[in-house]
C-alpha atoms as a PDB file:
ATOM      1  CA  MET A   1      69.108 -35.181-273.418  1.00  0.00           C
ATOM      2  CA  LYS A   2      69.600 -32.166-275.594  1.00  0.00           C
ATOM      3  CA  LYS A   3      73.208 -31.645-276.653  1.00  0.00           C
ATOM      4  CA  ILE A   4      75.133 -28.946-274.800  1.00  0.00           C
ATOM      5  CA  ILE A   5      77.183 -27.066-277.417  1.00  0.00           C
ATOM      6  CA  ALA A   6      79.796 -24.387-276.633  1.00  0.00           C
ATOM      7  CA  LYS A   7      78.927 -21.013-278.137  1.00  0.00           C
ATOM      8  CA  VAL A   8      82.245 -19.319-277.313  1.00  0.00           C
ATOM      9  CA  ASN A   9      85.750 -20.437-276.353  1.00  0.00           C
ATOM     10  CA  PHE A  10      86.135 -21.089-272.607  1.00  0.00           C
ATOM     11  CA  GLY A  11      87.631 -23.421-270.020  1.00  0.00           C
ATOM     12  CA  LEU A  12      85.729 -25.481-267.454  1.00  0.00           C
ATOM     13  CA  ASN A  13      86.972 -28.070-264.953  1.00  0.00           C
ATOM     14  CA  GLY A  14      90.447 -27.989-266.487  1.00  0.00           C
ATOM     15  CA  VAL A  15      89.147 -28.660-270.016  1.00  0.00           C
ATOM     16  CA  ASN A  16      89.256 -26.035-272.754  1.00  0.00           C
ATOM     17  CA  TYR A  17      86.356 -25.864-275.205  1.00  0.00           C
ATOM     18  CA  ILE A  18      86.111 -24.051-278.522  1.00  0.00           C
ATOM     19  CA  ALA A  19      82.903 -22.846-280.124  1.00  0.00           C
ATOM     20  CA  GLY A  20      80.985 -25.788-281.568  1.00  0.00           C
ATOM     21  CA  ASP A  21      82.342 -28.449-279.174  1.00  0.00           C
ATOM     22  CA  GLU A  22      79.859 -30.704-277.412  1.00  0.00           C
ATOM     23  CA  ILE A  23      80.218 -30.632-273.623  1.00  0.00           C
ATOM     24  CA  TYR A  24      79.696 -33.773-271.535  1.00  0.00           C
ATOM     25  CA  ASN A  25      79.470 -34.693-267.843  1.00  0.00           C
ATOM     26  CA  LEU A  26      77.970 -31.504-266.467  1.00  0.00           C
ATOM     27  CA  THR A  27      75.695 -31.052-263.478  1.00  0.00           C
ATOM     28  CA  TYR A  28      72.405 -29.225-263.797  1.00  0.00           C
ATOM     29  CA  ASN A  29      73.827 -26.225-261.922  1.00  0.00           C
ATOM     30  CA  GLN A  30      76.792 -26.011-264.319  1.00  0.00           C
ATOM     31  CA  ILE A  31      74.463 -26.186-267.332  1.00  0.00           C
ATOM     32  CA  ALA A  32      72.181 -23.480-265.920  1.00  0.00           C
ATOM     33  CA  LYS A  33      75.150 -21.186-265.124  1.00  0.00           C
ATOM     34  CA  LEU A  34      76.727 -21.648-268.578  1.00  0.00           C
ATOM     35  CA  ASN A  35      73.347 -20.960-270.193  1.00  0.00           C
ATOM     36  CA  GLU A  36      72.865 -17.837-268.063  1.00  0.00           C
ATOM     37  CA  LYS A  37      76.299 -16.460-268.971  1.00  0.00           C
ATOM     38  CA  GLY A  38      75.879 -17.232-272.700  1.00  0.00           C
ATOM     39  CA  PHE A  39      78.753 -19.721-272.947  1.00  0.00           C
ATOM     40  CA  ILE A  40      76.563 -22.425-274.525  1.00  0.00           C
ATOM     41  CA  GLN A  41      73.917 -22.353-277.207  1.00  0.00           C
ATOM     42  CA  PRO A  42      70.761 -20.967-275.584  1.00  0.00           C
ATOM     43  CA  LEU A  43      68.469 -23.407-273.828  1.00  0.00           C
ATOM     44  CA  ALA A  44      64.809 -22.631-273.230  1.00  0.00           C
ATOM     45  CA  TYR A  45      63.149 -23.133-269.846  1.00  0.00           C
ATOM     46  CA  GLU A  46      61.536 -26.328-271.141  1.00  0.00           C
ATOM     47  CA  ASP A  47      64.947 -27.711-272.147  1.00  0.00           C
ATOM     48  CA  LEU A  48      66.368 -26.963-268.687  1.00  0.00           C
ATOM     49  CA  VAL A  49      63.426 -28.685-266.966  1.00  0.00           C
ATOM     50  CA  LEU A  50      63.819 -31.796-269.138  1.00  0.00           C
ATOM     51  CA  ILE A  51      67.586 -31.878-268.521  1.00  0.00           C
ATOM     52  CA  LYS A  52      67.040 -31.602-264.765  1.00  0.00           C
ATOM     53  CA  ARG A  53      64.506 -34.442-264.820  1.00  0.00           C
ATOM     54  CA  GLU A  54      66.825 -36.649-266.825  1.00  0.00           C
ATOM     55  CA  LEU A  55      69.822 -35.962-264.562  1.00  0.00           C
ATOM     56  CA  ASN A  56      67.755 -36.664-261.426  1.00  0.00           C
ATOM     57  CA  ASN A  57      66.161 -39.795-262.899  1.00  0.00           C
ATOM     58  CA  PRO A  58      68.331 -41.442-265.594  1.00  0.00           C
ATOM     59  CA  LYS A  59      65.423 -43.705-266.608  1.00  0.00           C
ATOM     60  CA  PHE A  60      63.377 -40.650-267.658  1.00  0.00           C
ATOM     61  CA  LYS A  61      63.378 -40.210-271.418  1.00  0.00           C
ATOM     62  CA  LYS A  62      61.363 -37.721-273.423  1.00  0.00           C
ATOM     63  CA  GLU A  63      59.411 -39.576-276.072  1.00  0.00           C
ATOM     64  CA  GLU A  64      60.620 -38.716-279.563  1.00  0.00           C
ATOM     65  CA  LYS A  65      57.864 -37.931-282.041  1.00  0.00           C
END
C-alpha cells in the first residue's frame, strides 16, 4: 500500500502528527477524508482505488514493476 504521509500538523484518534510523519492503521474512509481536506500528501484516484482494494482484501497486492 502506498504510504500515507502527513502534509500538515494535526491530531487524529488521540494521536498528534507533524508534517512528514507516516500514518498507520487508518480506514479507507479516514484516508479519503484526510486526502479531501489536504491533511495528507495528495493521493490520486488510482491510489485510493488500490488502497480500498487492499484494505478490503489483504491478499491483494499490486505487482511491482
